[in-house]
């Protein structure tokens, strides 16, 4: 069970509600003393990945697609790092090229 102060609950209510949608109850505390509990009124798991994707979008971790994936992306081979190079460097170089 997640615990949140009143201030945290006020400032991050949407995120707390997403947790509740995923089936995790949230305990609201006032100076360490439990005063309320948020629980889902629907069965957990009904929203599946859609709720998770929405939460990640609000957090800025995920960005929705702006259109269909260009066929060129799927037709080209994946980046291959040079010997001794890091894969992350190859990905960064590919992004600079606009791929």
Protein backbone atom coordinates (compact mmCIF):
# COMPACT_ATOMS: atom_id res chain seq x y z
CA UNK A 1 0.00 0.00 0.00
CA UNK A 2 1.37 3.40 -0.99
CA UNK A 3 1.41 6.11 1.68
CA UNK A 4 1.10 9.81 0.86
CA UNK A 5 0.94 12.96 2.93
CA UNK A 6 -1.94 15.37 2.45
CA UNK A 7 0.39 17.75 0.61
CA UNK A 8 1.62 14.99 -1.71
CA UNK A 9 -1.95 13.84 -2.34
CA UNK A 10 -3.01 17.39 -3.20
CA UNK A 11 -0.05 17.95 -5.55
CA UNK A 12 -0.04 14.53 -7.24
CA UNK A 13 -3.68 13.48 -7.16
CA UNK A 14 -3.71 12.29 -10.80
CA UNK A 15 -0.71 10.04 -10.24
CA UNK A 16 -2.25 8.62 -7.06
CA UNK A 17 -5.51 7.92 -8.88
CA UNK A 18 -3.54 6.07 -11.58
CA UNK A 19 -2.03 3.88 -8.86
CA UNK A 20 -5.52 3.20 -7.53
CA UNK A 21 -6.73 2.30 -11.04
CA UNK A 22 -3.96 -0.29 -11.20
CA UNK A 23 -5.34 -1.86 -8.02
CA UNK A 24 -2.98 -0.36 -5.42
CA UNK A 25 -4.73 1.32 -2.48
CA UNK A 26 -3.28 4.63 -1.25
CA UNK A 27 -3.21 5.64 2.41
CA UNK A 28 -3.41 9.40 3.04
CA UNK A 29 -1.65 10.59 6.19
CA UNK A 30 -1.67 13.82 8.17
CA UNK A 31 1.69 14.20 9.93
CA UNK A 32 2.17 10.43 9.89
CA UNK A 33 -1.35 9.62 11.12
CA UNK A 34 -3.60 7.78 8.62
CA UNK A 35 -6.75 9.79 7.87
CA UNK A 36 -8.08 8.37 4.58
CA UNK A 37 -7.66 5.55 2.10
CA UNK A 38 -8.16 5.68 -1.67
CA UNK A 39 -9.40 2.42 -3.18
CA UNK A 40 -10.66 1.52 -6.62
CA UNK A 41 -14.40 1.08 -7.11
CA UNK A 42 -13.80 -1.19 -10.13
CA UNK A 43 -11.99 -4.50 -10.40
CA UNK A 44 -8.19 -4.12 -10.69
CA UNK A 45 -6.67 -4.66 -14.12
CA UNK A 46 -9.73 -3.55 -16.13
CA UNK A 47 -7.79 -0.66 -17.70
CA UNK A 48 -4.72 -2.79 -18.49
CA UNK A 49 -1.89 -1.07 -20.30
CA UNK A 50 -3.97 1.94 -21.35
CA UNK A 51 -3.90 3.34 -17.81
CA UNK A 52 -0.18 2.69 -17.52
CA UNK A 53 0.51 4.42 -20.85
CA UNK A 54 -1.53 7.45 -19.80
CA UNK A 55 0.38 7.67 -16.52
CA UNK A 56 3.74 7.44 -18.28
CA UNK A 57 2.64 10.15 -20.73
CA UNK A 58 1.71 12.49 -17.88
CA UNK A 59 5.10 11.82 -16.26
CA UNK A 60 6.88 12.69 -19.50
CA UNK A 61 8.40 9.21 -19.84
CA UNK A 62 6.33 8.23 -22.86
CA UNK A 63 5.35 10.27 -25.89
CA UNK A 64 2.41 9.35 -28.09
CA UNK A 65 3.13 8.70 -31.76
CA UNK A 66 2.57 11.69 -34.01
CA UNK A 67 1.80 9.50 -37.00
CA UNK A 68 2.47 6.10 -38.53
CA UNK A 69 6.00 4.68 -38.42
CA UNK A 70 7.86 5.32 -41.70
CA UNK A 71 8.54 2.09 -43.61
CA UNK A 72 12.16 3.16 -44.05
CA UNK A 73 12.76 2.72 -40.32
CA UNK A 74 11.70 -0.92 -40.42
CA UNK A 75 13.55 -1.64 -43.69
CA UNK A 76 16.94 -0.33 -42.50
CA UNK A 77 19.20 -2.50 -40.34
CA UNK A 78 19.59 -1.63 -36.65
CA UNK A 79 22.65 0.36 -35.56
CA UNK A 80 25.84 -1.64 -35.04
CA UNK A 81 28.51 -0.13 -32.80
CA UNK A 82 32.13 -0.22 -33.87
CA UNK A 83 34.40 -2.56 -31.98
CA UNK A 84 34.90 -1.19 -28.47
CA UNK A 85 32.22 1.49 -28.88
CA UNK A 86 29.11 1.72 -26.76
CA UNK A 87 25.70 0.98 -28.25
CA UNK A 88 24.37 4.21 -26.74
CA UNK A 89 26.88 6.18 -28.86
CA UNK A 90 25.56 4.45 -32.00
CA UNK A 91 21.98 5.32 -31.08
CA UNK A 92 22.90 8.95 -30.38
CA UNK A 93 24.70 9.18 -33.74
CA UNK A 94 21.67 7.68 -35.47
CA UNK A 95 19.38 10.27 -33.88
CA UNK A 96 21.67 13.08 -35.06
CA UNK A 97 21.29 11.71 -38.60
CA UNK A 98 17.53 11.97 -38.25
CA UNK A 99 16.76 8.27 -38.17
